[in-house]
Protein backbone atom coordinates (compact mmCIF):
# COMPACT_ATOMS: atom_id res chain seq x y z
CA UNK A 1 2.28 20.10 13.83
CA UNK A 2 2.55 17.30 11.46
CA UNK A 3 4.12 14.34 13.08
CA UNK A 4 5.21 11.03 11.48
CA UNK A 5 5.03 8.16 13.85
CA UNK A 6 7.13 5.18 13.28
CA UNK A 7 8.49 2.28 15.16
CA UNK A 8 12.11 1.13 15.36
CA UNK A 9 13.33 -0.25 12.17
CA UNK A 10 10.57 0.94 10.02
CA UNK A 11 10.54 3.91 7.65
CA UNK A 12 13.41 6.13 9.08
CA UNK A 13 14.57 7.23 5.69
CA UNK A 14 11.18 7.81 4.22
CA UNK A 15 9.86 9.72 7.05
CA UNK A 16 12.91 11.92 7.71
CA UNK A 17 13.11 12.87 3.98
CA UNK A 18 9.35 13.63 3.81
CA UNK A 19 9.62 15.88 7.02
CA UNK A 20 12.66 17.73 5.54
CA UNK A 21 10.71 18.53 2.14
CA UNK A 22 7.69 19.46 4.25
CA UNK A 23 9.77 21.85 6.42
CA UNK A 24 11.57 23.32 3.21
CA UNK A 25 8.19 24.13 1.99
CA UNK A 26 7.34 26.27 4.89
CA UNK A 27 5.41 23.59 6.81
CA UNK A 28 6.08 22.24 10.24
CA UNK A 29 6.78 18.49 10.74
CA UNK A 30 8.85 16.08 12.58
CA UNK A 31 9.42 12.35 13.25
CA UNK A 32 8.57 10.67 16.43
CA UNK A 33 9.40 6.98 17.39
CA UNK A 34 6.76 4.98 19.15
CA UNK A 35 9.11 4.73 22.29
CA UNK A 36 8.75 8.74 22.75
CA UNK A 37 4.96 9.03 22.52
CA UNK A 38 4.71 11.54 25.25
CA UNK A 39 6.30 14.11 22.82
CA UNK A 40 3.07 14.23 20.85
CA UNK A 41 1.35 17.36 21.58
CA UNK A 42 -2.30 18.83 21.76
CA UNK A 43 -3.78 19.30 18.35
CA UNK A 44 -0.81 17.59 16.35
CA UNK A 45 -1.77 15.76 13.22
CA UNK A 46 -0.25 12.28 13.50
CA UNK A 47 0.56 10.17 10.41
CA UNK A 48 0.85 6.60 11.51
CA UNK A 49 3.73 5.04 9.45
CA UNK A 50 2.69 1.40 9.84
CA UNK A 51 2.67 1.97 13.55
CA UNK A 52 -0.17 0.96 15.63
CA UNK A 53 1.00 1.96 19.29
CA UNK A 54 -1.63 3.62 21.50
CA UNK A 55 -1.44 7.36 21.22
CA UNK A 56 -1.94 9.23 24.54
CA UNK A 57 -5.01 11.45 24.61
CA UNK A 58 -3.88 14.69 23.10
CA UNK A 59 -6.96 15.66 20.95
CA UNK A 60 -4.86 14.74 17.80
CA UNK A 61 -5.94 13.98 14.34
CA UNK A 62 -4.79 10.50 13.14
CA UNK A 63 -4.06 9.74 9.52
CA UNK A 64 -4.45 6.03 9.05
CA UNK A 65 -5.94 4.69 12.23
CA UNK A 66 -4.67 1.52 14.00
CA UNK A 67 -7.81 -0.49 12.73
CA UNK A 68 -6.93 0.44 9.10
CA UNK A 69 -3.37 -0.48 9.48
CA UNK A 70 -4.47 -4.06 10.99
CA UNK A 71 -6.87 -4.45 7.99
CA UNK A 72 -4.11 -3.76 5.55
CA UNK A 73 -1.62 -6.07 7.47
CA UNK A 74 -4.12 -8.97 7.12
CA UNK A 75 -3.24 -9.97 3.60
CA UNK A 76 -5.86 -12.69 3.24
CA UNK A 77 -8.61 -10.79 4.94
CA UNK A 78 -7.94 -7.78 2.85
CA UNK A 79 -8.32 -9.69 -0.39
CA UNK A 80 -11.39 -11.55 0.82
CA UNK A 81 -13.00 -7.95 1.48
CA UNK A 82 -12.04 -6.89 -2.05
CA UNK A 83 -13.42 -10.00 -3.62
CA UNK A 84 -16.83 -9.48 -1.81
CA UNK A 85 -16.78 -5.79 -2.78
CA UNK A 86 -15.74 -6.41 -6.58
CA UNK A 87 -12.35 -4.89 -6.36
CA UNK A 88 -10.04 -6.81 -8.51
CA UNK A 89 -7.85 -9.06 -6.55
CA UNK A 90 -6.54 -12.58 -6.93
CA UNK A 91 -9.14 -15.12 -5.86
CA UNK A 92 -7.98 -16.11 -2.28
CA UNK A 93 -9.00 -19.02 -0.24
CA UNK A 94 -8.80 -19.56 3.70
CA UNK A 95 -9.38 -22.73 5.76
CA UNK A 96 -11.13 -24.96 6.08
CA UNK A 97 -9.82 -26.15 2.73
CA UNK A 98 -11.99 -27.97 0.15
CA UNK A 99 -11.50 -31.70 0.51
CA UNK A 100 -11.30 -32.38 -3.32
CA UNK A 101 -7.93 -30.99 -4.97
CA UNK A 102 -8.65 -28.10 -7.09
CA UNK A 103 -7.19 -27.94 -10.48
CA UNK A 104 -4.57 -25.32 -11.61
CA UNK A 105 -1.50 -23.45 -10.25
CA UNK A 106 -1.72 -21.70 -6.82
CA UNK A 107 0.15 -19.33 -4.56
CA UNK A 108 0.48 -20.32 -0.87
CA UNK A 109 1.87 -17.47 1.78
CA UNK A 110 1.92 -17.68 5.63
CA UNK A 111 -0.39 -15.34 7.44
CA UNK A 112 2.47 -13.10 8.19
CA UNK A 113 5.08 -12.44 5.48
CA UNK A 114 7.11 -9.82 3.93
CA UNK A 115 9.11 -9.26 0.67
CA UNK A 116 9.34 -12.41 -1.46
CA UNK A 117 10.05 -14.94 1.47
CA UNK A 118 7.81 -17.90 2.10
CA UNK A 119 6.23 -18.24 -1.15
CA UNK A 120 5.12 -21.71 -2.67
CA UNK A 121 3.84 -21.60 -6.25
CA UNK A 122 2.46 -25.12 -7.05
CA UNK A 123 -0.66 -27.43 -7.49
CA UNK A 124 -3.29 -27.60 -4.63
CA UNK A 125 -1.86 -30.52 -2.90
CA UNK A 126 1.46 -28.90 -2.56
CA UNK A 127 0.29 -25.45 -1.49
CA UNK A 128 -1.92 -27.27 1.18
CA UNK A 129 1.37 -29.18 2.41
CA UNK A 130 3.11 -25.76 2.68
CA UNK A 131 0.21 -24.11 4.67
CA UNK A 132 0.39 -27.15 6.95
CA UNK A 133 4.19 -26.77 7.53
CA UNK A 134 3.68 -22.97 8.40
CA UNK A 135 0.82 -23.83 10.86
CA UNK A 136 -1.41 -21.51 8.87
CA UNK A 137 -1.68 -19.36 5.72
CA UNK A 138 -3.80 -18.41 2.66
CA UNK A 139 -3.87 -19.70 -1.00
CA UNK A 140 -4.45 -17.47 -4.12
CA UNK A 141 -5.07 -18.39 -7.67
CA UNK A 142 -1.84 -18.00 -9.63
CA UNK A 143 -2.08 -14.91 -11.92
CA UNK A 144 0.67 -14.76 -14.86
CA UNK A 145 1.71 -11.21 -14.69
CA UNK A 146 3.50 -8.93 -17.16
CA UNK A 147 3.73 -5.89 -15.17
CA UNK A 148 3.71 -4.91 -11.60
CA UNK A 149 3.18 -1.32 -10.26
CA UNK A 150 2.95 0.53 -6.92
CA UNK A 151 0.25 3.38 -6.65
CA UNK A 152 0.59 5.77 -3.67
CA UNK A 153 -2.85 6.72 -3.01
CA UNK A 154 -3.89 9.62 -0.51
CA UNK A 155 -7.37 10.58 0.19
CA UNK A 156 -8.71 8.71 -2.70
CA UNK A 157 -6.36 10.36 -5.19
CA UNK A 158 -3.17 9.23 -6.72
CA UNK A 159 0.24 10.77 -5.73
CA UNK A 160 2.72 8.87 -7.75
CA UNK A 161 2.84 5.66 -9.50
CA UNK A 162 6.20 3.69 -10.08
CA UNK A 163 6.74 0.27 -12.00
CA UNK A 164 8.65 -2.52 -10.64
CA UNK A 165 11.64 -3.72 -12.85
CA UNK A 166 12.69 -7.03 -11.29
CA UNK A 167 16.23 -8.25 -11.43
CA UNK A 168 14.80 -11.67 -12.66
CA UNK A 169 11.53 -11.41 -14.79
CA UNK A 170 10.87 -14.96 -14.47
CA UNK A 171 10.62 -14.87 -10.68
CA UNK A 172 7.00 -15.05 -9.16
CA UNK A 173 7.64 -12.25 -6.71
CA UNK A 174 9.06 -9.09 -7.93
CA UNK A 175 10.44 -7.80 -4.80
CA UNK A 176 12.77 -4.85 -5.08
CA UNK A 177 14.58 -5.41 -1.87
CA UNK A 178 15.84 -8.56 -3.48
CA UNK A 179 17.01 -6.73 -6.60
CA UNK A 180 15.56 -4.67 -9.31
CA UNK A 181 14.21 -1.20 -9.04
CA UNK A 182 11.21 1.13 -9.03
CA UNK A 183 10.77 3.47 -12.18
CA UNK A 184 8.85 6.51 -11.72
CA UNK A 185 5.73 6.74 -14.17
CA UNK A 186 4.95 10.18 -15.91
CA UNK A 187 1.49 11.45 -15.05
CA UNK A 188 0.42 11.04 -18.82
CA UNK A 189 1.36 7.41 -18.76
CA UNK A 190 -0.32 6.52 -15.56
CA UNK A 191 -2.41 3.31 -16.24
CA UNK A 192 -5.88 4.65 -15.35
CA UNK A 193 -7.76 1.42 -14.63
CA UNK A 194 -4.84 0.16 -12.26
CA UNK A 195 -5.10 3.58 -10.57
CA UNK A 196 -8.85 3.40 -10.06
CA UNK A 197 -8.49 -0.11 -8.70
CA UNK A 198 -6.01 1.06 -6.19
CA UNK A 199 -8.10 3.92 -5.22
CA UNK A 200 -11.15 1.59 -4.68
CA UNK A 201 -9.06 -0.73 -2.59
CA UNK A 202 -7.99 2.14 -0.15
CA UNK A 203 -11.53 3.32 0.16
CA UNK A 204 -12.82 0.00 0.97
CA UNK A 205 -10.23 -0.68 3.78
CA UNK A 206 -10.52 2.82 5.01
CA UNK A 207 -6.92 3.91 4.19
CA UNK A 208 -6.16 7.65 4.34
CA UNK A 209 -3.17 6.57 2.33
CA UNK A 210 -1.29 3.51 1.17
CA UNK A 211 1.11 2.08 -1.40
CA UNK A 212 -0.86 -0.12 -3.27
CA UNK A 213 0.98 -3.13 -5.11
CA UNK A 214 -0.91 -4.01 -8.32
CA UNK A 215 0.02 -6.67 -10.75
CA UNK A 216 -1.39 -6.64 -14.46
CA UNK A 217 -1.96 -9.60 -16.72
CA UNK A 218 -1.57 -9.90 -20.44
CA UNK A 219 -5.12 -8.43 -20.93
CA UNK A 220 -4.28 -5.41 -18.94
CA UNK A 221 -6.35 -6.41 -16.19
CA UNK A 222 -5.22 -5.27 -12.74
CA UNK A 223 -5.08 -7.40 -9.50
CA UNK A 224 -4.55 -5.77 -6.14
CA UNK A 225 -1.77 -7.76 -4.31
CA UNK A 226 -1.66 -5.79 -0.88
CA UNK A 227 -1.80 -2.45 0.69
CA UNK A 228 1.34 -1.11 2.46
CA UNK A 229 0.71 1.29 5.31
CA UNK A 230 4.49 2.24 5.41
CA UNK A 231 5.60 2.17 1.78
CA UNK A 232 9.11 2.60 1.07
CA UNK A 233 10.10 6.06 -0.33
CA UNK A 234 13.47 5.59 -1.87
CA UNK A 235 13.13 8.12 -4.65
CA UNK A 236 13.79 11.94 -3.90
CA UNK A 237 10.81 12.50 -6.43
CA UNK A 238 8.39 10.13 -4.52
CA UNK A 239 9.65 11.61 -1.19
CA UNK A 240 8.72 15.09 -2.57
CA UNK A 241 5.35 14.13 -3.87
CA UNK A 242 4.32 12.23 -0.83
CA UNK A 243 5.36 15.18 1.33
CA UNK A 244 3.27 17.67 -0.73
CA UNK A 245 0.28 15.39 -0.20
CA UNK A 246 0.78 15.02 3.54
CA UNK A 247 1.32 18.74 3.85
CA UNK A 248 -2.04 19.32 2.01
CA UNK A 249 -3.88 16.89 4.30
CA UNK A 250 -2.48 18.82 7.32
CA UNK A 251 -3.80 22.07 6.02
CA UNK A 252 -7.02 20.85 4.45
CA UNK A 253 -8.09 17.80 6.17
CA UNK A 254 -7.70 14.08 5.50
CA UNK A 255 -11.36 13.49 4.07
CA UNK A 256 -11.63 11.48 0.77
CA UNK A 257 -11.39 13.73 -2.41
CA UNK A 258 -13.93 12.64 -4.84
CA UNK A 259 -13.17 12.66 -8.57
CA UNK A 260 -15.37 12.69 -11.79
CA UNK A 261 -16.00 9.39 -13.48
CA UNK A 262 -17.26 10.42 -16.81
CA UNK A 263 -14.01 11.31 -18.41
CA UNK A 264 -11.31 9.52 -16.47
CA UNK A 265 -7.79 10.60 -17.16
CA UNK A 266 -4.82 11.08 -14.94
CA UNK A 267 -5.88 14.80 -14.52
CA UNK A 268 -9.12 13.60 -12.75
CA UNK A 269 -7.15 11.10 -10.50
CA UNK A 270 -4.14 13.06 -9.41
CA UNK A 271 -3.99 14.56 -5.82
CA UNK A 272 -4.50 18.36 -5.79
CA UNK A 273 -1.26 19.06 -3.94
CA UNK A 274 0.53 17.72 -7.03
CA UNK A 275 -1.66 19.82 -9.48
CA UNK A 276 -1.09 23.06 -7.44
CA UNK A 277 2.66 23.00 -7.47
């Protein structure tokens, strides 16, 4: 059976609705919280929904292992890995900090953060001061953005793409939890270069699936912001698309599905679970 493993306060609606869709499609799925791990059975396939709890040995297949989730949660470390591998992301700095002040505008975040809280956009001295107040954090170059999208990637293929429409377009952080909305993007309108960058980030970090937040500048260049190992699924359409992908992974295995690179369009990038339904 396909098991979505979640922790208290995370992913209840997303997991419940994906399970409902999978079962309605003839599959077998259920949600298990991490305080009920003994209910995981021999040969289950476990989808870790942002949950890193130790799974009792049951000869289970795990989709997104705990190490992968830790890599995704390490925002600064993930960006450094992407920089080194040539995956587009804002240039990111971690201590020890350069003695001389750098010129320009920068973004400071604490090591652990969520939504739009604890963000400082300022010059070098001010962001260094913010890092000191937080007793740790990281700094990135400020990239003026004109768009921001979330790409849901599974097995190195795209399942859905949604665009963030903020309540305040002048805000530095376009966080839907603080207003605004996600609008689904039609397959034929998927920004291919953005989707490829999201796929590369997932493959680099070893993510079997992730919701990848990507901002786009005025030159249409993508920058990976972060990988979410428990991306919110608030839309019935996105819940259904994700359910199809997870059902496909359960039935066919979780290995990456390679695509052609000579004539890239959405047709090469889309997950086969979506093309077959």
